[in-house]
Amino acid sequence: MSGMDDRENAFESKYAHDQEVEFKAIARRNKLLGLWAAGEMGIEGDAAEAYAKEVVMADFEEAGHEDVFRKIRGDLDAKSVDVSDHIIRKQMDDFLIQAREQVTSEG
């Protein structure tokens, strides 16, 4: 049975690692998205970094990505920045791809 236990432990270990990598990638995506949205709203420097952190924290409001989308959508609307829902979602997808590449290349 040791072989089966080893195999089970290896699968559990890989699953835990994959979940950690995905968590880091999503947090990185949210930061990148926040920096992008900050730029769209004319926010720069330390204020842009602070805004990006707000976007990262917004992801902890509920499961899924809609909380992040709503934050970005609401903030862009509040600043009268004309960006479509499609563009926001496209940025979310593109930044997630970029973030996964960054996180996996870091090791």
Protein backbone atom coordinates (compact mmCIF):
# COMPACT_ATOMS: atom_id res chain seq x y z
CA MET A 1 0.00 0.00 0.00
CA SER A 2 2.96 2.31 0.36
CA GLY A 3 3.03 2.90 -3.40
CA MET A 4 -0.62 3.97 -3.38
CA ASP A 5 -0.01 6.24 -0.39
CA ASP A 6 2.98 7.81 -2.12
CA ARG A 7 0.94 8.39 -5.25
CA GLU A 8 -1.91 9.93 -3.26
CA ASN A 9 0.51 12.20 -1.39
CA ALA A 10 2.11 13.28 -4.67
CA PHE A 11 -1.29 14.19 -6.15
CA GLU A 12 -2.25 16.12 -3.02
CA SER A 13 1.06 17.94 -3.06
CA LYS A 14 0.70 18.88 -6.72
CA TYR A 15 -2.87 20.05 -6.17
CA ALA A 16 -1.81 22.24 -3.23
CA HIS A 17 1.05 23.68 -5.28
CA ASP A 18 -1.22 24.38 -8.26
CA GLN A 19 -3.75 26.12 -6.00
CA GLU A 20 -1.02 28.29 -4.47
CA VAL A 21 0.30 29.26 -7.91
CA GLU A 22 -3.22 30.13 -9.12
CA PHE A 23 -3.87 32.22 -5.98
CA LYS A 24 -0.65 34.17 -6.58
CA ALA A 25 -1.47 34.59 -10.28
CA ILE A 26 -4.94 35.97 -9.52
CA ALA A 27 -3.53 38.40 -6.96
CA ARG A 28 -0.91 39.49 -9.51
CA ARG A 29 -3.62 39.84 -12.19
CA ASN A 30 -5.64 42.05 -9.87
CA LYS A 31 -2.63 44.27 -9.19
CA LEU A 32 -1.89 44.60 -12.91
CA LEU A 33 -5.57 45.34 -13.56
CA GLY A 34 -5.57 47.94 -10.82
CA LEU A 35 -2.50 49.64 -12.25
CA TRP A 36 -4.09 49.63 -15.71
CA ALA A 37 -7.36 51.09 -14.38
CA ALA A 38 -5.44 53.68 -12.37
CA GLY A 39 -3.74 54.76 -15.58
CA GLU A 40 -7.10 55.02 -17.33
CA MET A 41 -8.31 57.28 -14.52
CA GLY A 42 -5.17 59.42 -14.55
CA ILE A 43 -3.90 58.12 -11.21
CA GLU A 44 -0.10 57.85 -11.03
CA GLY A 45 2.77 56.95 -8.72
CA ASP A 46 2.07 55.95 -5.13
CA ALA A 47 -1.64 56.64 -5.58
CA ALA A 48 -1.73 54.11 -8.45
CA GLU A 49 0.02 51.51 -6.28
CA ALA A 50 -2.45 52.18 -3.45
CA TYR A 51 -5.37 51.83 -5.86
CA ALA A 52 -3.97 48.54 -7.18
CA LYS A 53 -3.87 47.23 -3.59
CA GLU A 54 -7.54 48.20 -3.21
CA VAL A 55 -8.34 46.13 -6.30
CA VAL A 56 -6.42 43.14 -4.88
CA MET A 57 -8.37 43.45 -1.62
CA ALA A 58 -11.67 43.71 -3.49
CA ASP A 59 -11.20 40.12 -4.65
CA PHE A 60 -11.74 38.90 -1.08
CA GLU A 61 -15.31 40.19 -0.93
CA GLU A 62 -16.84 37.10 -2.56
CA ALA A 63 -15.91 34.01 -4.53
CA GLY A 64 -15.17 34.52 -8.20
CA HIS A 65 -14.03 37.54 -10.12
CA GLU A 66 -17.19 39.64 -10.27
CA ASP A 67 -16.24 41.61 -7.16
CA VAL A 68 -13.08 42.81 -8.90
CA PHE A 69 -14.99 43.60 -12.08
CA ARG A 70 -17.60 45.61 -10.14
CA LYS A 71 -14.88 47.60 -8.34
CA ILE A 72 -13.14 48.52 -11.59
CA ARG A 73 -16.45 49.23 -13.38
CA GLY A 74 -17.72 51.42 -10.54
CA ASP A 75 -14.47 53.36 -10.18
CA LEU A 76 -14.17 53.99 -13.92
CA ASP A 77 -17.80 55.14 -14.01
CA ALA A 78 -17.26 57.42 -11.01
CA LYS A 79 -14.39 59.12 -12.86
CA SER A 80 -16.43 59.25 -16.11
CA VAL A 81 -13.88 57.10 -17.92
CA ASP A 82 -15.43 55.52 -21.00
CA VAL A 83 -14.25 51.89 -21.04
CA SER A 84 -16.63 49.10 -22.05
CA ASP A 85 -17.33 46.01 -19.96
CA HIS A 86 -15.81 43.99 -22.78
CA ILE A 87 -12.50 45.86 -22.52
CA ILE A 88 -12.39 45.43 -18.74
CA ARG A 89 -13.03 41.69 -19.04
CA LYS A 90 -10.49 41.40 -21.86
CA GLN A 91 -7.91 43.14 -19.67
CA MET A 92 -8.76 40.75 -16.84
CA ASP A 93 -8.18 37.76 -19.14
CA ASP A 94 -5.00 39.16 -20.67
CA PHE A 95 -3.52 40.14 -17.31
CA LEU A 96 -4.31 36.68 -15.90
CA ILE A 97 -2.33 35.07 -18.71
CA GLN A 98 0.54 37.48 -18.08
CA ALA A 99 0.37 36.95 -14.31
CA ARG A 100 0.41 33.14 -14.65
CA GLU A 101 3.51 33.38 -16.83
CA GLN A 102 5.21 35.68 -14.32
CA VAL A 103 4.36 33.53 -11.31
CA THR A 104 5.41 30.26 -12.93
CA SER A 105 8.68 31.74 -14.19
CA GLU A 106 9.52 32.94 -10.66
CA GLY A 107 9.55 29.39 -9.57
